[in-house]
C-alpha cells in the first residue's frame, strides 16, 4: 500500500493521501499542492496504524 505526502510551495505538509484520486480531489478543492512525495515504508506505517490517511485531511 502506497501513501503520499502533499506539500505546498514552502515545503509544508498539506495532506497525506493514499491514492492519486485523493490527490486530485484536493487539487480540485483548490489546495495549493506543489509537490507530491511517496512516503517511505516506515512513514506509511504510521498512517496504517492510525487509520486512513484521509483522517489527516481536515478538508474531507
PDB file of N, CA and C in Angstrom:
ATOM      1  N   UNK A   1       0.851  -1.168   0.000  1.00  0.00           N
ATOM      2  CA  UNK A   1       0.000   0.000   0.000  1.00  0.00           C
ATOM      3  C   UNK A   1       0.899   1.234   0.000  1.00  0.00           C
ATOM      4  N   UNK A   2       0.627   2.160  -0.904  1.00  0.00           N
ATOM      5  CA  UNK A   2       1.412   3.384  -1.012  1.00  0.00           C
ATOM      6  C   UNK A   2       0.673   4.551  -0.387  1.00  0.00           C
ATOM      7  N   UNK A   3       1.430   5.419   0.264  1.00  0.00           N
ATOM      8  CA  UNK A   3       0.891   6.655   0.808  1.00  0.00           C
ATOM      9  C   UNK A   3       1.722   7.805   0.277  1.00  0.00           C
ATOM     10  N   UNK A   4       1.113   8.961   0.173  1.00  0.00           N
ATOM     11  CA  UNK A   4       1.783  10.122  -0.401  1.00  0.00           C
ATOM     12  C   UNK A   4       1.632  11.323   0.517  1.00  0.00           C
ATOM     13  N   UNK A   5       2.666  12.163   0.539  1.00  0.00           N
ATOM     14  CA  UNK A   5       2.625  13.414   1.271  1.00  0.00           C
ATOM     15  C   UNK A   5       2.516  14.532   0.257  1.00  0.00           C
ATOM     16  N   UNK A   6       1.545  15.411   0.422  1.00  0.00           N
ATOM     17  CA  UNK A   6       1.346  16.556  -0.461  1.00  0.00           C
ATOM     18  C   UNK A   6       1.920  17.795   0.230  1.00  0.00           C
ATOM     19  N   UNK A   7       2.761  18.518  -0.504  1.00  0.00           N
ATOM     20  CA  UNK A   7       3.443  19.677   0.047  1.00  0.00           C
ATOM     21  C   UNK A   7       3.071  20.948  -0.710  1.00  0.00           C
ATOM     22  N   UNK A   8       3.088  22.087   0.002  1.00  0.00           N
ATOM     23  CA  UNK A   8       2.846  23.364  -0.662  1.00  0.00           C
ATOM     24  C   UNK A   8       4.175  23.932  -1.163  1.00  0.00           C
ATOM     25  N   UNK A   9       4.169  25.171  -1.673  1.00  0.00           N
ATOM     26  CA  UNK A   9       5.380  25.771  -2.241  1.00  0.00           C
ATOM     27  C   UNK A   9       6.460  26.012  -1.204  1.00  0.00           C
ATOM     28  N   UNK A  10       6.077  26.120   0.062  1.00  0.00           N
ATOM     29  CA  UNK A  10       7.056  26.346   1.124  1.00  0.00           C
ATOM     30  C   UNK A  10       7.572  25.038   1.714  1.00  0.00           C
ATOM     31  N   UNK A  11       7.086  23.910   1.202  1.00  0.00           N
ATOM     32  CA  UNK A  11       7.531  22.616   1.687  1.00  0.00           C
ATOM     33  C   UNK A  11       6.778  22.127   2.916  1.00  0.00           C
ATOM     34  N   UNK A  12       5.679  22.799   3.252  1.00  0.00           N
ATOM     35  CA  UNK A  12       4.868  22.379   4.400  1.00  0.00           C
ATOM     36  C   UNK A  12       3.882  21.297   3.967  1.00  0.00           C
ATOM     37  N   UNK A  13       3.622  20.352   4.860  1.00  0.00           N
ATOM     38  CA  UNK A  13       2.700  19.257   4.564  1.00  0.00           C
ATOM     39  C   UNK A  13       1.270  19.791   4.523  1.00  0.00           C
ATOM     40  N   UNK A  14       0.590  19.533   3.416  1.00  0.00           N
ATOM     41  CA  UNK A  14      -0.815  19.902   3.267  1.00  0.00           C
ATOM     42  C   UNK A  14      -1.699  18.732   3.670  1.00  0.00           C
ATOM     43  N   UNK A  15      -1.318  17.538   3.199  1.00  0.00           N
ATOM     44  CA  UNK A  15      -2.144  16.356   3.447  1.00  0.00           C
ATOM     45  C   UNK A  15      -1.334  15.103   3.213  1.00  0.00           C
ATOM     46  N   UNK A  16      -1.858  14.009   3.721  1.00  0.00           N
ATOM     47  CA  UNK A  16      -1.326  12.687   3.433  1.00  0.00           C
ATOM     48  C   UNK A  16      -2.438  11.906   2.739  1.00  0.00           C
ATOM     49  N   UNK A  17      -2.120  11.339   1.596  1.00  0.00           N
ATOM     50  CA  UNK A  17      -3.133  10.672   0.782  1.00  0.00           C
ATOM     51  C   UNK A  17      -2.702   9.245   0.478  1.00  0.00           C
ATOM     52  N   UNK A  18      -3.695   8.408   0.194  1.00  0.00           N
ATOM     53  CA  UNK A  18      -3.409   7.021  -0.139  1.00  0.00           C
ATOM     54  C   UNK A  18      -3.437   6.774  -1.636  1.00  0.00           C
ATOM     55  N   UNK A  19      -4.232   7.519  -2.378  1.00  0.00           N
ATOM     56  CA  UNK A  19      -4.351   7.273  -3.811  1.00  0.00           C
ATOM     57  C   UNK A  19      -4.168   8.563  -4.595  1.00  0.00           C
ATOM     58  N   UNK A  20      -3.883   8.406  -5.883  1.00  0.00           N
ATOM     59  CA  UNK A  20      -3.772   9.581  -6.745  1.00  0.00           C
ATOM     60  C   UNK A  20      -5.132  10.262  -6.886  1.00  0.00           C
ATOM     61  N   UNK A  21      -6.225   9.510  -6.723  1.00  0.00           N
ATOM     62  CA  UNK A  21      -7.556  10.111  -6.775  1.00  0.00           C
ATOM     63  C   UNK A  21      -7.762  11.077  -5.602  1.00  0.00           C
ATOM     64  N   UNK A  22      -7.242  10.714  -4.418  1.00  0.00           N
ATOM     65  CA  UNK A  22      -7.320  11.616  -3.263  1.00  0.00           C
ATOM     66  C   UNK A  22      -6.586  12.921  -3.553  1.00  0.00           C
ATOM     67  N   UNK A  23      -5.432  12.804  -4.199  1.00  0.00           N
ATOM     68  CA  UNK A  23      -4.640  13.984  -4.537  1.00  0.00           C
ATOM     69  C   UNK A  23      -5.405  14.868  -5.515  1.00  0.00           C
ATOM     70  N   UNK A  24      -6.039  14.258  -6.505  1.00  0.00           N
ATOM     71  CA  UNK A  24      -6.813  15.018  -7.490  1.00  0.00           C
ATOM     72  C   UNK A  24      -7.995  15.739  -6.833  1.00  0.00           C
ATOM     73  N   UNK A  25      -8.635  15.089  -5.871  1.00  0.00           N
ATOM     74  CA  UNK A  25      -9.746  15.725  -5.148  1.00  0.00           C
ATOM     75  C   UNK A  25      -9.248  16.975  -4.440  1.00  0.00           C
ATOM     76  N   UNK A  26      -8.111  16.884  -3.782  1.00  0.00           N
ATOM     77  CA  UNK A  26      -7.560  18.045  -3.088  1.00  0.00           C
ATOM     78  C   UNK A  26      -7.233  19.172  -4.058  1.00  0.00           C
ATOM     79  N   UNK A  27      -6.688  18.820  -5.224  1.00  0.00           N
ATOM     80  CA  UNK A  27      -6.382  19.843  -6.237  1.00  0.00           C
ATOM     81  C   UNK A  27      -7.661  20.534  -6.705  1.00  0.00           C
ATOM     82  N   UNK A  28      -8.719  19.740  -6.940  1.00  0.00           N
ATOM     83  CA  UNK A  28      -9.995  20.329  -7.374  1.00  0.00           C
ATOM     84  C   UNK A  28     -10.601  21.220  -6.296  1.00  0.00           C
ATOM     85  N   UNK A  29     -10.284  20.902  -5.033  1.00  0.00           N
ATOM     86  CA  UNK A  29     -10.779  21.716  -3.915  1.00  0.00           C
ATOM     87  C   UNK A  29      -9.988  23.015  -3.785  1.00  0.00           C
ATOM     88  N   UNK A  30      -8.920  23.141  -4.576  1.00  0.00           N
ATOM     89  CA  UNK A  30      -8.142  24.371  -4.561  1.00  0.00           C
ATOM     90  C   UNK A  30      -6.942  24.354  -3.634  1.00  0.00           C
ATOM     91  N   UNK A  31      -6.592  23.192  -3.118  1.00  0.00           N
ATOM     92  CA  UNK A  31      -5.422  23.114  -2.242  1.00  0.00           C
ATOM     93  C   UNK A  31      -4.162  23.392  -3.064  1.00  0.00           C
ATOM     94  N   UNK A  32      -3.239  24.196  -2.553  1.00  0.00           N
ATOM     95  CA  UNK A  32      -2.048  24.587  -3.316  1.00  0.00           C
ATOM     96  C   UNK A  32      -0.955  23.517  -3.308  1.00  0.00           C
ATOM     97  N   UNK A  33      -1.237  22.382  -3.921  1.00  0.00           N
ATOM     98  CA  UNK A  33      -0.281  21.277  -3.927  1.00  0.00           C
ATOM     99  C   UNK A  33       0.801  21.571  -4.947  1.00  0.00           C
ATOM    100  N   UNK A  34       2.027  21.698  -4.455  1.00  0.00           N
ATOM    101  CA  UNK A  34       3.167  21.990  -5.313  1.00  0.00           C
ATOM    102  C   UNK A  34       3.975  20.735  -5.617  1.00  0.00           C
ATOM    103  N   UNK A  35       4.004  19.807  -4.670  1.00  0.00           N
ATOM    104  CA  UNK A  35       4.807  18.598  -4.829  1.00  0.00           C
ATOM    105  C   UNK A  35       4.124  17.430  -4.115  1.00  0.00           C
ATOM    106  N   UNK A  36       4.253  16.246  -4.692  1.00  0.00           N
ATOM    107  CA  UNK A  36       3.734  15.029  -4.084  1.00  0.00           C
ATOM    108  C   UNK A  36       4.902  14.058  -3.953  1.00  0.00           C
ATOM    109  N   UNK A  37       5.112  13.572  -2.734  1.00  0.00           N
ATOM    110  CA  UNK A  37       6.203  12.623  -2.483  1.00  0.00           C
ATOM    111  C   UNK A  37       5.627  11.312  -1.954  1.00  0.00           C
ATOM    112  N   UNK A  38       6.155  10.216  -2.463  1.00  0.00           N
ATOM    113  CA  UNK A  38       5.780   8.917  -1.916  1.00  0.00           C
ATOM    114  C   UNK A  38       6.412   8.801  -0.539  1.00  0.00           C
ATOM    115  N   UNK A  39       5.629   8.326   0.416  1.00  0.00           N
ATOM    116  CA  UNK A  39       6.142   8.152   1.765  1.00  0.00           C
ATOM    117  C   UNK A  39       6.991   6.889   1.827  1.00  0.00           C
ATOM    118  N   UNK A  40       8.013   6.916   2.666  1.00  0.00           N
ATOM    119  CA  UNK A  40       8.830   5.730   2.894  1.00  0.00           C
ATOM    120  C   UNK A  40       7.993   4.729   3.691  1.00  0.00           C
ATOM    121  N   UNK A  41       8.363   3.472   3.623  1.00  0.00           N
ATOM    122  CA  UNK A  41       7.606   2.434   4.323  1.00  0.00           C
ATOM    123  C   UNK A  41       7.461   2.738   5.802  1.00  0.00           C
ATOM    124  N   UNK A  42       8.534   3.223   6.445  1.00  0.00           N
ATOM    125  CA  UNK A  42       8.466   3.497   7.873  1.00  0.00           C
ATOM    126  C   UNK A  42       7.543   4.673   8.193  1.00  0.00           C
ATOM    127  N   UNK A  43       7.397   5.614   7.256  1.00  0.00           N
ATOM    128  CA  UNK A  43       6.456   6.716   7.444  1.00  0.00           C
ATOM    129  C   UNK A  43       5.024   6.243   7.223  1.00  0.00           C
ATOM    130  N   UNK A  44       4.826   5.395   6.225  1.00  0.00           N
ATOM    131  CA  UNK A  44       3.499   4.922   5.867  1.00  0.00           C
ATOM    132  C   UNK A  44       2.894   4.043   6.961  1.00  0.00           C
ATOM    133  N   UNK A  45       3.737   3.361   7.735  1.00  0.00           N
ATOM    134  CA  UNK A  45       3.233   2.520   8.815  1.00  0.00           C
ATOM    135  C   UNK A  45       2.413   3.338   9.795  1.00  0.00           C
ATOM    136  N   UNK A  46       2.824   4.564  10.047  1.00  0.00           N
ATOM    137  CA  UNK A  46       2.091   5.433  10.967  1.00  0.00           C
ATOM    138  C   UNK A  46       0.675   5.661  10.462  1.00  0.00           C
ATOM    139  N   UNK A  47       0.522   5.889   9.165  1.00  0.00           N
ATOM    140  CA  UNK A  47      -0.808   6.095   8.596  1.00  0.00           C
ATOM    141  C   UNK A  47      -1.661   4.847   8.739  1.00  0.00           C
ATOM    142  N   UNK A  48      -1.076   3.692   8.464  1.00  0.00           N
ATOM    143  CA  UNK A  48      -1.878   2.466   8.514  1.00  0.00           C
ATOM    144  C   UNK A  48      -2.234   2.097   9.952  1.00  0.00           C
ATOM    145  N   UNK A  49      -1.428   2.505  10.916  1.00  0.00           N
ATOM    146  CA  UNK A  49      -1.739   2.208  12.308  1.00  0.00           C
ATOM    147  C   UNK A  49      -2.755   3.171  12.903  1.00  0.00           C
ATOM    148  N   UNK A  50      -2.769   4.400  12.422  1.00  0.00           N
ATOM    149  CA  UNK A  50      -3.655   5.412  12.999  1.00  0.00           C
ATOM    150  C   UNK A  50      -4.969   5.545  12.245  1.00  0.00           C
ATOM    151  N   UNK A  51      -5.130   4.833  11.152  1.00  0.00           N
ATOM    152  CA  UNK A  51      -6.362   4.913  10.391  1.00  0.00           C
ATOM    153  C   UNK A  51      -6.082   5.335   8.968  1.00  0.00           C
ATOM    154  N   UNK A  52      -7.081   5.799   8.323  1.00  0.00           N
ATOM    155  CA  UNK A  52      -6.969   6.213   6.939  1.00  0.00           C
ATOM    156  C   UNK A  52      -6.139   7.491   6.828  1.00  0.00           C
ATOM    157  N   UNK A  53      -5.360   7.622   5.752  1.00  0.00           N
ATOM    158  CA  UNK A  53      -4.626   8.863   5.550  1.00  0.00           C
ATOM    159  C   UNK A  53      -5.562  10.071   5.461  1.00  0.00           C
ATOM    160  N   UNK A  54      -6.796   9.844   5.033  1.00  0.00           N
ATOM    161  CA  UNK A  54      -7.733  10.967   4.945  1.00  0.00           C
ATOM    162  C   UNK A  54      -8.089  11.501   6.330  1.00  0.00           C
ATOM    163  N   UNK A  55      -7.795  10.729   7.384  1.00  0.00           N
ATOM    164  CA  UNK A  55      -8.013  11.246   8.738  1.00  0.00           C
ATOM    165  C   UNK A  55      -7.160  12.477   8.990  1.00  0.00           C
ATOM    166  N   UNK A  56      -6.062  12.611   8.254  1.00  0.00           N
ATOM    167  CA  UNK A  56      -5.188  13.762   8.407  1.00  0.00           C
ATOM    168  C   UNK A  56      -5.681  14.960   7.608  1.00  0.00           C
ATOM    169  N   UNK A  57      -6.582  14.754   6.679  1.00  0.00           N
ATOM    170  CA  UNK A  57      -7.064  15.820   5.803  1.00  0.00           C
ATOM    171  C   UNK A  57      -8.315  16.445   6.408  1.00  0.00           C
ATOM    172  N   UNK A  58      -8.166  17.609   6.975  1.00  0.00           N
ATOM    173  CA  UNK A  58      -9.266  18.256   7.661  1.00  0.00           C
ATOM    174  C   UNK A  58     -10.363  18.731   6.688  1.00  0.00           C
ATOM    175  N   UNK A  59     -10.030  18.839   5.397  1.00  0.00           N
ATOM    176  CA  UNK A  59     -10.997  19.348   4.424  1.00  0.00           C
ATOM    177  C   UNK A  59     -11.958  18.289   3.904  1.00  0.00           C
ATOM    178  N   UNK A  60     -11.687  17.023   4.140  1.00  0.00           N
ATOM    179  CA  UNK A  60     -12.577  15.962   3.648  1.00  0.00           C
ATOM    180  C   UNK A  60     -13.818  15.915   4.504  1.00  0.00           C
TER     181      UNK A  60
END
